[in-house]
Structure formats: structure tokens, C-alpha cells
């Protein structure tokens, strides 16, 4: 809790240190509690399974050469909204995730904030 208000719990899945720091700073300034960060698919899935509650997630699509779609599947199974952050074209995203907002790298952090919190308000 912060200022008596509900704090959103947001999973951050990203393998680039400086992006993690910037995302964490931005999300915390918006009143979010960061879960993670996770820099691998395995760790991200572990965090999804362990978390009692998640309000949303930010997923880098490529984590050290491994695509993040198993994490997206785990989030969908729990009903947790998320956004992708990536340098990939939309054609790389499986059809089941065509509806998910894709924030293009290099990131405009406010675009990530807007895309994620639009699902949470």
C-alpha cells in the first residue's frame, strides 16, 4: 500500500539492465510494486506461479535468445494483462497475441506506462 491506495503488482520481464532500471523507476513512480525483474523465461514463469497476485506485466519478447511466449501463456492462464516490449516486427508475434500492445524498442517509457495501465484502470 502507498498513501492508503492499492499498489498494482507488475511483473517486469527484461534482460537489459538499463531498461529494467528505467522501467522499474517509471512503474514505481506510477505507484506499482515491481515483481522480479526476471531476465529469463524460466525465472519469469517461476515468478508467475509463485505470485499470489499480479495486476499486469511488461514482457521483453527475446530473453537471451529465448522467446517469451511461454511466459505470456502463463499470464493468459491467470488472466493477467501484459504488454510486449521489443525490437521485433509484429509478424513475429503468434496470432494468439495479435491483440497485445507491442511497444517498440528503443522504448518511449511513457508509451509502456500508457499501454499497461490502460488495461489496469
PDB file of N, CA and C in Angstrom:
ATOM      1  N   UNK A   1       0.839  -1.192   0.000  1.00  0.00           N
ATOM      2  CA  UNK A   1       0.000   0.000   0.000  1.00  0.00           C
ATOM      3  C   UNK A   1       0.877   1.247   0.000  1.00  0.00           C
ATOM      4  N   UNK A   2       0.398   2.269  -0.650  1.00  0.00           N
ATOM      5  CA  UNK A   2       1.097   3.539  -0.678  1.00  0.00           C
ATOM      6  C   UNK A   2       0.058   4.625  -0.576  1.00  0.00           C
ATOM      7  N   UNK A   3       0.214   5.521   0.371  1.00  0.00           N
ATOM      8  CA  UNK A   3      -0.753   6.585   0.602  1.00  0.00           C
ATOM      9  C   UNK A   3      -2.163   6.030   0.778  1.00  0.00           C
ATOM     10  N   UNK A   4      -2.281   4.822   1.361  1.00  0.00           N
ATOM     11  CA  UNK A   4      -3.585   4.242   1.608  1.00  0.00           C
ATOM     12  C   UNK A   4      -4.260   3.699   0.356  1.00  0.00           C
ATOM     13  N   UNK A   5      -3.600   3.734  -0.795  1.00  0.00           N
ATOM     14  CA  UNK A   5      -4.201   3.251  -2.029  1.00  0.00           C
ATOM     15  C   UNK A   5      -3.636   1.882  -2.364  1.00  0.00           C
ATOM     16  N   UNK A   6      -4.374   1.168  -3.183  1.00  0.00           N
ATOM     17  CA  UNK A   6      -3.934  -0.128  -3.669  1.00  0.00           C
ATOM     18  C   UNK A   6      -2.713   0.039  -4.560  1.00  0.00           C
ATOM     19  N   UNK A   7      -1.675  -0.749  -4.330  1.00  0.00           N
ATOM     20  CA  UNK A   7      -0.494  -0.760  -5.202  1.00  0.00           C
ATOM     21  C   UNK A   7      -0.641  -1.881  -6.203  1.00  0.00           C
ATOM     22  N   UNK A   8      -0.480  -1.540  -7.457  1.00  0.00           N
ATOM     23  CA  UNK A   8      -0.512  -2.537  -8.519  1.00  0.00           C
ATOM     24  C   UNK A   8       0.777  -3.341  -8.491  1.00  0.00           C
ATOM     25  N   UNK A   9       0.655  -4.628  -8.670  1.00  0.00           N
ATOM     26  CA  UNK A   9       1.827  -5.509  -8.724  1.00  0.00           C
ATOM     27  C   UNK A   9       2.099  -5.834 -10.186  1.00  0.00           C
ATOM     28  N   UNK A  10       3.260  -5.413 -10.663  1.00  0.00           N
ATOM     29  CA  UNK A  10       3.603  -5.552 -12.076  1.00  0.00           C
ATOM     30  C   UNK A  10       4.878  -6.378 -12.224  1.00  0.00           C
ATOM     31  N   UNK A  11       4.766  -7.457 -12.975  1.00  0.00           N
ATOM     32  CA  UNK A  11       5.915  -8.296 -13.291  1.00  0.00           C
ATOM     33  C   UNK A  11       6.710  -7.650 -14.420  1.00  0.00           C
ATOM     34  N   UNK A  12       8.014  -7.514 -14.225  1.00  0.00           N
ATOM     35  CA  UNK A  12       8.897  -6.989 -15.258  1.00  0.00           C
ATOM     36  C   UNK A  12       9.796  -8.127 -15.738  1.00  0.00           C
ATOM     37  N   UNK A  13       9.711  -8.415 -17.035  1.00  0.00           N
ATOM     38  CA  UNK A  13      10.498  -9.480 -17.652  1.00  0.00           C
ATOM     39  C   UNK A  13      11.335  -8.832 -18.748  1.00  0.00           C
ATOM     40  N   UNK A  14      12.605  -8.659 -18.452  1.00  0.00           N
ATOM     41  CA  UNK A  14      13.506  -7.919 -19.347  1.00  0.00           C
ATOM     42  C   UNK A  14      14.933  -8.339 -19.031  1.00  0.00           C
ATOM     43  N   UNK A  15      15.766  -8.488 -20.071  1.00  0.00           N
ATOM     44  CA  UNK A  15      17.140  -8.926 -19.845  1.00  0.00           C
ATOM     45  C   UNK A  15      18.178  -7.819 -20.024  1.00  0.00           C
ATOM     46  N   UNK A  16      17.753  -6.607 -20.305  1.00  0.00           N
ATOM     47  CA  UNK A  16      18.687  -5.495 -20.447  1.00  0.00           C
ATOM     48  C   UNK A  16      18.636  -4.634 -19.177  1.00  0.00           C
ATOM     49  N   UNK A  17      19.764  -4.609 -18.471  1.00  0.00           N
ATOM     50  CA  UNK A  17      19.853  -3.958 -17.155  1.00  0.00           C
ATOM     51  C   UNK A  17      19.318  -2.528 -17.159  1.00  0.00           C
ATOM     52  N   UNK A  18      19.740  -1.718 -18.108  1.00  0.00           N
ATOM     53  CA  UNK A  18      19.344  -0.312 -18.097  1.00  0.00           C
ATOM     54  C   UNK A  18      17.861  -0.137 -18.384  1.00  0.00           C
ATOM     55  N   UNK A  19      17.304  -0.988 -19.217  1.00  0.00           N
ATOM     56  CA  UNK A  19      15.860  -0.927 -19.467  1.00  0.00           C
ATOM     57  C   UNK A  19      15.102  -1.335 -18.213  1.00  0.00           C
ATOM     58  N   UNK A  20      15.582  -2.370 -17.529  1.00  0.00           N
ATOM     59  CA  UNK A  20      14.954  -2.791 -16.266  1.00  0.00           C
ATOM     60  C   UNK A  20      14.918  -1.622 -15.286  1.00  0.00           C
ATOM     61  N   UNK A  21      16.048  -0.952 -15.131  1.00  0.00           N
ATOM     62  CA  UNK A  21      16.121   0.170 -14.185  1.00  0.00           C
ATOM     63  C   UNK A  21      15.131   1.275 -14.542  1.00  0.00           C
ATOM     64  N   UNK A  22      15.071   1.615 -15.822  1.00  0.00           N
ATOM     65  CA  UNK A  22      14.158   2.673 -16.268  1.00  0.00           C
ATOM     66  C   UNK A  22      12.699   2.256 -16.098  1.00  0.00           C
ATOM     67  N   UNK A  23      12.372   1.030 -16.473  1.00  0.00           N
ATOM     68  CA  UNK A  23      11.002   0.539 -16.301  1.00  0.00           C
ATOM     69  C   UNK A  23      10.607   0.526 -14.828  1.00  0.00           C
ATOM     70  N   UNK A  24      11.502   0.032 -13.987  1.00  0.00           N
ATOM     71  CA  UNK A  24      11.206  -0.025 -12.558  1.00  0.00           C
ATOM     72  C   UNK A  24      10.971   1.371 -12.000  1.00  0.00           C
ATOM     73  N   UNK A  25      11.808   2.316 -12.385  1.00  0.00           N
ATOM     74  CA  UNK A  25      11.650   3.686 -11.894  1.00  0.00           C
ATOM     75  C   UNK A  25      10.306   4.275 -12.334  1.00  0.00           C
ATOM     76  N   UNK A  26       9.969   4.078 -13.593  1.00  0.00           N
ATOM     77  CA  UNK A  26       8.714   4.593 -14.125  1.00  0.00           C
ATOM     78  C   UNK A  26       7.514   3.948 -13.442  1.00  0.00           C
ATOM     79  N   UNK A  27       7.513   2.626 -13.355  1.00  0.00           N
ATOM     80  CA  UNK A  27       6.372   1.918 -12.775  1.00  0.00           C
ATOM     81  C   UNK A  27       6.208   2.228 -11.296  1.00  0.00           C
ATOM     82  N   UNK A  28       7.314   2.320 -10.575  1.00  0.00           N
ATOM     83  CA  UNK A  28       7.232   2.673  -9.157  1.00  0.00           C
ATOM     84  C   UNK A  28       6.706   4.097  -8.983  1.00  0.00           C
ATOM     85  N   UNK A  29       7.082   5.012  -9.868  1.00  0.00           N
ATOM     86  CA  UNK A  29       6.566   6.382  -9.812  1.00  0.00           C
ATOM     87  C   UNK A  29       5.060   6.418 -10.056  1.00  0.00           C
ATOM     88  N   UNK A  30       4.552   5.406 -10.749  1.00  0.00           N
ATOM     89  CA  UNK A  30       3.109   5.296 -11.008  1.00  0.00           C
ATOM     90  C   UNK A  30       2.396   4.534  -9.890  1.00  0.00           C
ATOM     91  N   UNK A  31       3.132   4.189  -8.844  1.00  0.00           N
ATOM     92  CA  UNK A  31       2.532   3.505  -7.704  1.00  0.00           C
ATOM     93  C   UNK A  31       2.549   1.995  -7.791  1.00  0.00           C
ATOM     94  N   UNK A  32       3.331   1.443  -8.703  1.00  0.00           N
ATOM     95  CA  UNK A  32       3.368  -0.010  -8.854  1.00  0.00           C
ATOM     96  C   UNK A  32       4.451  -0.626  -7.974  1.00  0.00           C
ATOM     97  N   UNK A  33       4.194  -1.828  -7.559  1.00  0.00           N
ATOM     98  CA  UNK A  33       5.194  -2.653  -6.884  1.00  0.00           C
ATOM     99  C   UNK A  33       5.759  -3.597  -7.939  1.00  0.00           C
ATOM    100  N   UNK A  34       7.067  -3.622  -8.096  1.00  0.00           N
ATOM    101  CA  UNK A  34       7.703  -4.444  -9.106  1.00  0.00           C
ATOM    102  C   UNK A  34       7.841  -5.875  -8.596  1.00  0.00           C
ATOM    103  N   UNK A  35       7.422  -6.811  -9.414  1.00  0.00           N
ATOM    104  CA  UNK A  35       7.645  -8.228  -9.160  1.00  0.00           C
ATOM    105  C   UNK A  35       8.769  -8.633 -10.106  1.00  0.00           C
ATOM    106  N   UNK A  36       9.823  -9.194  -9.554  1.00  0.00           N
ATOM    107  CA  UNK A  36      11.013  -9.503 -10.341  1.00  0.00           C
ATOM    108  C   UNK A  36      12.042  -8.414 -10.115  1.00  0.00           C
ATOM    109  N   UNK A  37      12.744  -8.060 -11.133  1.00  0.00           N
ATOM    110  CA  UNK A  37      12.583  -8.441 -12.528  1.00  0.00           C
ATOM    111  C   UNK A  37      13.122  -9.839 -12.804  1.00  0.00           C
ATOM    112  N   UNK A  38      12.666 -10.387 -13.918  1.00  0.00           N
ATOM    113  CA  UNK A  38      13.146 -11.676 -14.387  1.00  0.00           C
ATOM    114  C   UNK A  38      13.854 -11.460 -15.716  1.00  0.00           C
ATOM    115  N   UNK A  39      14.998 -12.104 -15.877  1.00  0.00           N
ATOM    116  CA  UNK A  39      15.743 -11.953 -17.128  1.00  0.00           C
ATOM    117  C   UNK A  39      15.785 -13.245 -17.935  1.00  0.00           C
ATOM    118  N   UNK A  40      15.005 -14.243 -17.509  1.00  0.00           N
ATOM    119  CA  UNK A  40      14.924 -15.498 -18.255  1.00  0.00           C
ATOM    120  C   UNK A  40      13.478 -15.984 -18.253  1.00  0.00           C
ATOM    121  N   UNK A  41      13.140 -16.785 -19.242  1.00  0.00           N
ATOM    122  CA  UNK A  41      11.800 -17.357 -19.326  1.00  0.00           C
ATOM    123  C   UNK A  41      11.528 -18.227 -18.104  1.00  0.00           C
ATOM    124  N   UNK A  42      12.498 -19.047 -17.739  1.00  0.00           N
ATOM    125  CA  UNK A  42      12.331 -19.944 -16.589  1.00  0.00           C
ATOM    126  C   UNK A  42      12.020 -19.166 -15.304  1.00  0.00           C
ATOM    127  N   UNK A  43      12.790 -18.124 -15.048  1.00  0.00           N
ATOM    128  CA  UNK A  43      12.569 -17.332 -13.822  1.00  0.00           C
ATOM    129  C   UNK A  43      11.236 -16.601 -13.887  1.00  0.00           C
ATOM    130  N   UNK A  44      10.878 -16.086 -15.044  1.00  0.00           N
ATOM    131  CA  UNK A  44       9.604 -15.371 -15.175  1.00  0.00           C
ATOM    132  C   UNK A  44       8.422 -16.299 -14.905  1.00  0.00           C
ATOM    133  N   UNK A  45       8.467 -17.505 -15.446  1.00  0.00           N
ATOM    134  CA  UNK A  45       7.380 -18.462 -15.200  1.00  0.00           C
ATOM    135  C   UNK A  45       7.317 -18.813 -13.715  1.00  0.00           C
ATOM    136  N   UNK A  46       8.464 -18.955 -13.098  1.00  0.00           N
ATOM    137  CA  UNK A  46       8.513 -19.232 -11.655  1.00  0.00           C
ATOM    138  C   UNK A  46       7.834 -18.098 -10.876  1.00  0.00           C
ATOM    139  N   UNK A  47       8.118 -16.857 -11.240  1.00  0.00           N
ATOM    140  CA  UNK A  47       7.507 -15.712 -10.560  1.00  0.00           C
ATOM    141  C   UNK A  47       5.993 -15.663 -10.797  1.00  0.00           C
ATOM    142  N   UNK A  48       5.562 -15.984 -12.003  1.00  0.00           N
ATOM    143  CA  UNK A  48       4.120 -16.015 -12.296  1.00  0.00           C
ATOM    144  C   UNK A  48       3.445 -17.057 -11.420  1.00  0.00           C
ATOM    145  N   UNK A  49       4.054 -18.214 -11.298  1.00  0.00           N
ATOM    146  CA  UNK A  49       3.470 -19.292 -10.488  1.00  0.00           C
ATOM    147  C   UNK A  49       3.465 -18.959  -9.000  1.00  0.00           C
ATOM    148  N   UNK A  50       4.522 -18.293  -8.524  1.00  0.00           N
ATOM    149  CA  UNK A  50       4.655 -18.001  -7.092  1.00  0.00           C
ATOM    150  C   UNK A  50       3.827 -16.810  -6.639  1.00  0.00           C
ATOM    151  N   UNK A  51       3.564 -15.880  -7.539  1.00  0.00           N
ATOM    152  CA  UNK A  51       2.893 -14.638  -7.151  1.00  0.00           C
ATOM    153  C   UNK A  51       1.455 -14.908  -6.738  1.00  0.00           C
ATOM    154  N   UNK A  52       1.120 -14.440  -5.561  1.00  0.00           N
ATOM    155  CA  UNK A  52      -0.255 -14.566  -5.102  1.00  0.00           C
ATOM    156  C   UNK A  52      -1.179 -13.729  -5.978  1.00  0.00           C
ATOM    157  N   UNK A  53      -0.677 -12.558  -6.385  1.00  0.00           N
ATOM    158  CA  UNK A  53      -1.491 -11.655  -7.201  1.00  0.00           C
ATOM    159  C   UNK A  53      -0.588 -10.858  -8.136  1.00  0.00           C
ATOM    160  N   UNK A  54      -0.992 -10.723  -9.387  1.00  0.00           N
ATOM    161  CA  UNK A  54      -0.329  -9.856 -10.354  1.00  0.00           C
ATOM    162  C   UNK A  54      -1.393  -9.029 -11.049  1.00  0.00           C
ATOM    163  N   UNK A  55      -1.118  -7.748 -11.215  1.00  0.00           N
ATOM    164  CA  UNK A  55      -2.059  -6.876 -11.912  1.00  0.00           C
ATOM    165  C   UNK A  55      -1.702  -6.700 -13.381  1.00  0.00           C
ATOM    166  N   UNK A  56      -0.446  -6.903 -13.722  1.00  0.00           N
ATOM    167  CA  UNK A  56      -0.010  -6.723 -15.101  1.00  0.00           C
ATOM    168  C   UNK A  56       1.435  -7.135 -15.243  1.00  0.00           C
ATOM    169  N   UNK A  57       1.909  -7.076 -16.497  1.00  0.00           N
ATOM    170  CA  UNK A  57       3.296  -7.464 -16.764  1.00  0.00           C
ATOM    171  C   UNK A  57       3.807  -6.745 -18.005  1.00  0.00           C
ATOM    172  N   UNK A  58       5.109  -6.527 -18.006  1.00  0.00           N
ATOM    173  CA  UNK A  58       5.831  -5.979 -19.158  1.00  0.00           C
ATOM    174  C   UNK A  58       6.806  -7.060 -19.589  1.00  0.00           C
ATOM    175  N   UNK A  59       6.675  -7.524 -20.839  1.00  0.00           N
ATOM    176  CA  UNK A  59       7.478  -8.641 -21.320  1.00  0.00           C
ATOM    177  C   UNK A  59       8.352  -8.245 -22.498  1.00  0.00           C
ATOM    178  N   UNK A  60       9.658  -8.351 -22.320  1.00  0.00           N
ATOM    179  CA  UNK A  60      10.584  -8.272 -23.447  1.00  0.00           C
ATOM    180  C   UNK A  60      10.391  -9.570 -24.226  1.00  0.00           C
ATOM    181  N   UNK A  61      10.267  -9.493 -25.540  1.00  0.00           N
ATOM    182  CA  UNK A  61       9.959 -10.693 -26.313  1.00  0.00           C
ATOM    183  C   UNK A  61      11.124 -11.666 -26.429  1.00  0.00           C
ATOM    184  N   UNK A  62      12.353 -11.180 -26.355  1.00  0.00           N
ATOM    185  CA  UNK A  62      13.515 -12.047 -26.516  1.00  0.00           C
ATOM    186  C   UNK A  62      14.405 -11.906 -25.288  1.00  0.00           C
ATOM    187  N   UNK A  63      14.537 -13.000 -24.566  1.00  0.00           N
ATOM    188  CA  UNK A  63      15.360 -13.024 -23.356  1.00  0.00           C
ATOM    189  C   UNK A  63      16.560 -13.927 -23.605  1.00  0.00           C
ATOM    190  N   UNK A  64      17.703 -13.308 -23.871  1.00  0.00           N
ATOM    191  CA  UNK A  64      18.929 -14.075 -24.130  1.00  0.00           C
ATOM    192  C   UNK A  64      18.708 -15.143 -25.202  1.00  0.00           C
ATOM    193  N   UNK A  65      17.992 -14.780 -26.262  1.00  0.00           N
ATOM    194  CA  UNK A  65      17.774 -15.689 -27.378  1.00  0.00           C
ATOM    195  C   UNK A  65      16.563 -16.586 -27.257  1.00  0.00           C
ATOM    196  N   UNK A  66      15.839 -16.522 -26.151  1.00  0.00           N
ATOM    197  CA  UNK A  66      14.650 -17.352 -25.949  1.00  0.00           C
ATOM    198  C   UNK A  66      13.400 -16.466 -26.002  1.00  0.00           C
ATOM    199  N   UNK A  67      12.424 -16.866 -26.802  1.00  0.00           N
ATOM    200  CA  UNK A  67      11.202 -16.080 -26.927  1.00  0.00           C
ATOM    201  C   UNK A  67      10.347 -16.226 -25.665  1.00  0.00           C
ATOM    202  N   UNK A  68       9.655 -15.167 -25.319  1.00  0.00           N
ATOM    203  CA  UNK A  68       8.951 -15.045 -24.047  1.00  0.00           C
ATOM    204  C   UNK A  68       7.525 -15.629 -24.070  1.00  0.00           C
ATOM    205  N   UNK A  69       7.118 -16.236 -25.166  1.00  0.00           N
ATOM    206  CA  UNK A  69       5.734 -16.664 -25.290  1.00  0.00           C
ATOM    207  C   UNK A  69       5.260 -17.663 -24.238  1.00  0.00           C
ATOM    208  N   UNK A  70       6.105 -18.559 -23.690  1.00  0.00           N
ATOM    209  CA  UNK A  70       5.624 -19.395 -22.584  1.00  0.00           C
ATOM    210  C   UNK A  70       5.213 -18.569 -21.355  1.00  0.00           C
ATOM    211  N   UNK A  71       5.883 -17.447 -21.136  1.00  0.00           N
ATOM    212  CA  UNK A  71       5.503 -16.558 -20.026  1.00  0.00           C
ATOM    213  C   UNK A  71       4.153 -15.912 -20.335  1.00  0.00           C
ATOM    214  N   UNK A  72       3.985 -15.461 -21.573  1.00  0.00           N
ATOM    215  CA  UNK A  72       2.706 -14.881 -21.983  1.00  0.00           C
ATOM    216  C   UNK A  72       1.585 -15.900 -21.798  1.00  0.00           C
ATOM    217  N   UNK A  73       1.832 -17.150 -22.162  1.00  0.00           N
ATOM    218  CA  UNK A  73       0.824 -18.198 -21.977  1.00  0.00           C
ATOM    219  C   UNK A  73       0.456 -18.361 -20.506  1.00  0.00           C
ATOM    220  N   UNK A  74       1.458 -18.337 -19.628  1.00  0.00           N
ATOM    221  CA  UNK A  74       1.204 -18.471 -18.185  1.00  0.00           C
ATOM    222  C   UNK A  74       0.398 -17.291 -17.662  1.00  0.00           C
ATOM    223  N   UNK A  75       0.677 -16.092 -18.175  1.00  0.00           N
ATOM    224  CA  UNK A  75      -0.081 -14.911 -17.753  1.00  0.00           C
ATOM    225  C   UNK A  75      -1.525 -14.985 -18.240  1.00  0.00           C
ATOM    226  N   UNK A  76      -1.715 -15.410 -19.466  1.00  0.00           N
ATOM    227  CA  UNK A  76      -3.073 -15.556 -20.001  1.00  0.00           C
ATOM    228  C   UNK A  76      -3.861 -16.557 -19.161  1.00  0.00           C
ATOM    229  N   UNK A  77      -3.227 -17.648 -18.785  1.00  0.00           N
ATOM    230  CA  UNK A  77      -3.890 -18.665 -17.965  1.00  0.00           C
ATOM    231  C   UNK A  77      -4.365 -18.102 -16.631  1.00  0.00           C
ATOM    232  N   UNK A  78      -3.662 -17.081 -16.136  1.00  0.00           N
ATOM    233  CA  UNK A  78      -4.045 -16.446 -14.865  1.00  0.00           C
ATOM    234  C   UNK A  78      -4.907 -15.197 -15.065  1.00  0.00           C
ATOM    235  N   UNK A  79      -5.127 -14.814 -16.310  1.00  0.00           N
ATOM    236  CA  UNK A  79      -5.948 -13.635 -16.584  1.00  0.00           C
ATOM    237  C   UNK A  79      -5.225 -12.324 -16.324  1.00  0.00           C
ATOM    238  N   UNK A  80      -3.897 -12.319 -16.457  1.00  0.00           N
ATOM    239  CA  UNK A  80      -3.087 -11.128 -16.174  1.00  0.00           C
ATOM    240  C   UNK A  80      -2.786 -10.407 -17.487  1.00  0.00           C
ATOM    241  N   UNK A  81      -3.170  -9.127 -17.603  1.00  0.00           N
ATOM    242  CA  UNK A  81      -2.851  -8.372 -18.818  1.00  0.00           C
ATOM    243  C   UNK A  81      -1.362  -8.044 -18.894  1.00  0.00           C
ATOM    244  N   UNK A  82      -0.854  -7.895 -20.127  1.00  0.00           N
ATOM    245  CA  UNK A  82       0.559  -7.589 -20.305  1.00  0.00           C
ATOM    246  C   UNK A  82       0.764  -6.839 -21.607  1.00  0.00           C
ATOM    247  N   UNK A  83       1.962  -6.265 -21.733  1.00  0.00           N
ATOM    248  CA  UNK A  83       2.397  -5.633 -22.977  1.00  0.00           C
ATOM    249  C   UNK A  83       3.746  -6.234 -23.346  1.00  0.00           C
ATOM    250  N   UNK A  84       4.017  -6.252 -24.648  1.00  0.00           N
ATOM    251  CA  UNK A  84       5.323  -6.674 -25.132  1.00  0.00           C
ATOM    252  C   UNK A  84       6.191  -5.449 -25.353  1.00  0.00           C
ATOM    253  N   UNK A  85       7.475  -5.563 -25.040  1.00  0.00           N
ATOM    254  CA  UNK A  85       8.459  -4.561 -25.449  1.00  0.00           C
ATOM    255  C   UNK A  85       9.458  -5.299 -26.326  1.00  0.00           C
ATOM    256  N   UNK A  86       9.718  -4.744 -27.501  1.00  0.00           N
ATOM    257  CA  UNK A  86      10.514  -5.500 -28.459  1.00  0.00           C
ATOM    258  C   UNK A  86      11.052  -4.642 -29.582  1.00  0.00           C
ATOM    259  N   UNK A  87      12.066  -5.137 -30.216  1.00  0.00           N
ATOM    260  CA  UNK A  87      12.567  -4.553 -31.441  1.00  0.00           C
ATOM    261  C   UNK A  87      12.082  -5.332 -32.653  1.00  0.00           C
ATOM    262  N   UNK A  88      11.354  -6.432 -32.411  1.00  0.00           N
ATOM    263  CA  UNK A  88      10.845  -7.276 -33.482  1.00  0.00           C
ATOM    264  C   UNK A  88       9.630  -6.646 -34.161  1.00  0.00           C
ATOM    265  N   UNK A  89       9.425  -7.048 -35.403  1.00  0.00           N
ATOM    266  CA  UNK A  89       8.226  -6.662 -36.142  1.00  0.00           C
ATOM    267  C   UNK A  89       7.030  -7.443 -35.597  1.00  0.00           C
ATOM    268  N   UNK A  90       5.839  -6.925 -35.827  1.00  0.00           N
ATOM    269  CA  UNK A  90       4.635  -7.590 -35.324  1.00  0.00           C
ATOM    270  C   UNK A  90       4.431  -8.966 -35.939  1.00  0.00           C
ATOM    271  N   UNK A  91       5.012  -9.234 -37.099  1.00  0.00           N
ATOM    272  CA  UNK A  91       4.846 -10.532 -37.759  1.00  0.00           C
ATOM    273  C   UNK A  91       5.448 -11.687 -36.950  1.00  0.00           C
ATOM    274  N   UNK A  92       6.327 -11.396 -36.005  1.00  0.00           N
ATOM    275  CA  UNK A  92       6.956 -12.419 -35.168  1.00  0.00           C
ATOM    276  C   UNK A  92       6.005 -12.883 -34.065  1.00  0.00           C
ATOM    277  N   UNK A  93       5.034 -12.070 -33.745  1.00  0.00           N
ATOM    278  CA  UNK A  93       4.101 -12.376 -32.658  1.00  0.00           C
ATOM    279  C   UNK A  93       3.081 -13.406 -33.139  1.00  0.00           C
ATOM    280  N   UNK A  94       2.912 -14.499 -32.389  1.00  0.00           N
ATOM    281  CA  UNK A  94       1.918 -15.502 -32.775  1.00  0.00           C
ATOM    282  C   UNK A  94       0.519 -14.891 -32.855  1.00  0.00           C
ATOM    283  N   UNK A  95      -0.322 -15.411 -33.745  1.00  0.00           N
ATOM    284  CA  UNK A  95      -1.671 -14.863 -33.914  1.00  0.00           C
ATOM    285  C   UNK A  95      -2.469 -14.751 -32.613  1.00  0.00           C
ATOM    286  N   UNK A  96      -2.235 -15.665 -31.681  1.00  0.00           N
ATOM    287  CA  UNK A  96      -2.993 -15.612 -30.420  1.00  0.00           C
ATOM    288  C   UNK A  96      -2.688 -14.345 -29.612  1.00  0.00           C
ATOM    289  N   UNK A  97      -1.595 -13.649 -29.959  1.00  0.00           N
ATOM    290  CA  UNK A  97      -1.216 -12.430 -29.245  1.00  0.00           C
ATOM    291  C   UNK A  97      -1.269 -11.181 -30.116  1.00  0.00           C
ATOM    292  N   UNK A  98      -1.978 -11.260 -31.247  1.00  0.00           N
ATOM    293  CA  UNK A  98      -2.105 -10.093 -32.130  1.00  0.00           C
ATOM    294  C   UNK A  98      -2.722  -8.896 -31.416  1.00  0.00           C
ATOM    295  N   UNK A  99      -3.585  -9.154 -30.443  1.00  0.00           N
ATOM    296  CA  UNK A  99      -4.297  -8.084 -29.732  1.00  0.00           C
ATOM    297  C   UNK A  99      -3.442  -7.396 -28.660  1.00  0.00           C
ATOM    298  N   UNK A 100      -2.305  -7.987 -28.298  1.00  0.00           N
ATOM    299  CA  UNK A 100      -1.467  -7.440 -27.227  1.00  0.00           C
ATOM    300  C   UNK A 100      -0.678  -6.244 -27.763  1.00  0.00           C
ATOM    301  N   UNK A 101      -0.664  -5.184 -26.983  1.00  0.00           N
ATOM    302  CA  UNK A 101       0.067  -3.980 -27.370  1.00  0.00           C
ATOM    303  C   UNK A 101       1.559  -4.291 -27.422  1.00  0.00           C
ATOM    304  N   UNK A 102       2.198  -3.828 -28.477  1.00  0.00           N
ATOM    305  CA  UNK A 102       3.642  -4.005 -28.667  1.00  0.00           C
ATOM    306  C   UNK A 102       4.292  -2.633 -28.618  1.00  0.00           C
ATOM    307  N   UNK A 103       5.154  -2.418 -27.625  1.00  0.00           N
ATOM    308  CA  UNK A 103       5.900  -1.168 -27.500  1.00  0.00           C
ATOM    309  C   UNK A 103       7.266  -1.388 -28.135  1.00  0.00           C
ATOM    310  N   UNK A 104       7.548  -0.620 -29.156  1.00  0.00           N
ATOM    311  CA  UNK A 104       8.751  -0.789 -29.957  1.00  0.00           C
ATOM    312  C   UNK A 104       9.983  -0.251 -29.240  1.00  0.00           C
ATOM    313  N   UNK A 105      11.093  -1.010 -29.296  1.00  0.00           N
ATOM    314  CA  UNK A 105      12.381  -0.527 -28.804  1.00  0.00           C
ATOM    315  C   UNK A 105      13.045   0.261 -29.915  1.00  0.00           C
ATOM    316  N   UNK A 106      13.780   1.312 -29.653  1.00  0.00           N
ATOM    317  CA  UNK A 106      14.034   1.853 -28.315  1.00  0.00           C
ATOM    318  C   UNK A 106      12.743   2.390 -27.707  1.00  0.00           C
ATOM    319  N   UNK A 107      12.606   2.139 -26.422  1.00  0.00           N
ATOM    320  CA  UNK A 107      11.359   2.418 -25.725  1.00  0.00           C
ATOM    321  C   UNK A 107      11.139   3.891 -25.436  1.00  0.00           C
ATOM    322  N   UNK A 108       9.905   4.281 -25.633  1.00  0.00           N
ATOM    323  CA  UNK A 108       9.398   5.527 -25.056  1.00  0.00           C
ATOM    324  C   UNK A 108       8.668   5.052 -23.806  1.00  0.00           C
ATOM    325  N   UNK A 109       9.255   5.262 -22.644  1.00  0.00           N
ATOM    326  CA  UNK A 109       8.721   4.682 -21.414  1.00  0.00           C
ATOM    327  C   UNK A 109       7.280   5.090 -21.136  1.00  0.00           C
ATOM    328  N   UNK A 110       6.914   6.279 -21.501  1.00  0.00           N
ATOM    329  CA  UNK A 110       5.529   6.711 -21.270  1.00  0.00           C
ATOM    330  C   UNK A 110       4.550   5.887 -22.103  1.00  0.00           C
ATOM    331  N   UNK A 111       4.989   5.382 -23.267  1.00  0.00           N
ATOM    332  CA  UNK A 111       4.126   4.519 -24.070  1.00  0.00           C
ATOM    333  C   UNK A 111       3.868   3.200 -23.351  1.00  0.00           C
ATOM    334  N   UNK A 112       4.882   2.688 -22.675  1.00  0.00           N
ATOM    335  CA  UNK A 112       4.719   1.457 -21.900  1.00  0.00           C
ATOM    336  C   UNK A 112       3.726   1.711 -20.770  1.00  0.00           C
ATOM    337  N   UNK A 113       3.909   2.808 -20.072  1.00  0.00           N
ATOM    338  CA  UNK A 113       3.001   3.162 -18.976  1.00  0.00           C
ATOM    339  C   UNK A 113       1.567   3.253 -19.474  1.00  0.00           C
ATOM    340  N   UNK A 114       1.357   3.980 -20.553  1.00  0.00           N
ATOM    341  CA  UNK A 114       0.014   4.170 -21.094  1.00  0.00           C
ATOM    342  C   UNK A 114      -0.593   2.839 -21.517  1.00  0.00           C
ATOM    343  N   UNK A 115       0.166   2.015 -22.228  1.00  0.00           N
ATOM    344  CA  UNK A 115      -0.347   0.730 -22.707  1.00  0.00           C
ATOM    345  C   UNK A 115      -0.690  -0.209 -21.567  1.00  0.00           C
ATOM    346  N   UNK A 116       0.175  -0.291 -20.571  1.00  0.00           N
ATOM    347  CA  UNK A 116      -0.060  -1.209 -19.461  1.00  0.00           C
ATOM    348  C   UNK A 116      -1.203  -0.743 -18.577  1.00  0.00           C
ATOM    349  N   UNK A 117      -1.163   0.499 -18.144  1.00  0.00           N
ATOM    350  CA  UNK A 117      -2.154   0.968 -17.179  1.00  0.00           C
ATOM    351  C   UNK A 117      -3.524   1.198 -17.798  1.00  0.00           C
ATOM    352  N   UNK A 118      -3.617   1.269 -19.123  1.00  0.00           N
ATOM    353  CA  UNK A 118      -4.933   1.337 -19.766  1.00  0.00           C
ATOM    354  C   UNK A 118      -5.715   0.060 -19.468  1.00  0.00           C
ATOM    355  N   UNK A 119      -5.005  -1.070 -19.322  1.00  0.00           N
ATOM    356  CA  UNK A 119      -5.649  -2.348 -19.007  1.00  0.00           C
ATOM    357  C   UNK A 119      -6.007  -2.467 -17.528  1.00  0.00           C
ATOM    358  N   UNK A 120      -5.362  -1.674 -16.714  1.00  0.00           N
ATOM    359  CA  UNK A 120      -5.500  -1.838 -15.262  1.00  0.00           C
ATOM    360  C   UNK A 120      -6.481  -0.863 -14.637  1.00  0.00           C
ATOM    361  N   UNK A 121      -6.841   0.189 -15.340  1.00  0.00           N
ATOM    362  CA  UNK A 121      -7.743   1.189 -14.750  1.00  0.00           C
ATOM    363  C   UNK A 121      -9.195   0.793 -14.902  1.00  0.00           C
TER     364      UNK A 121
END
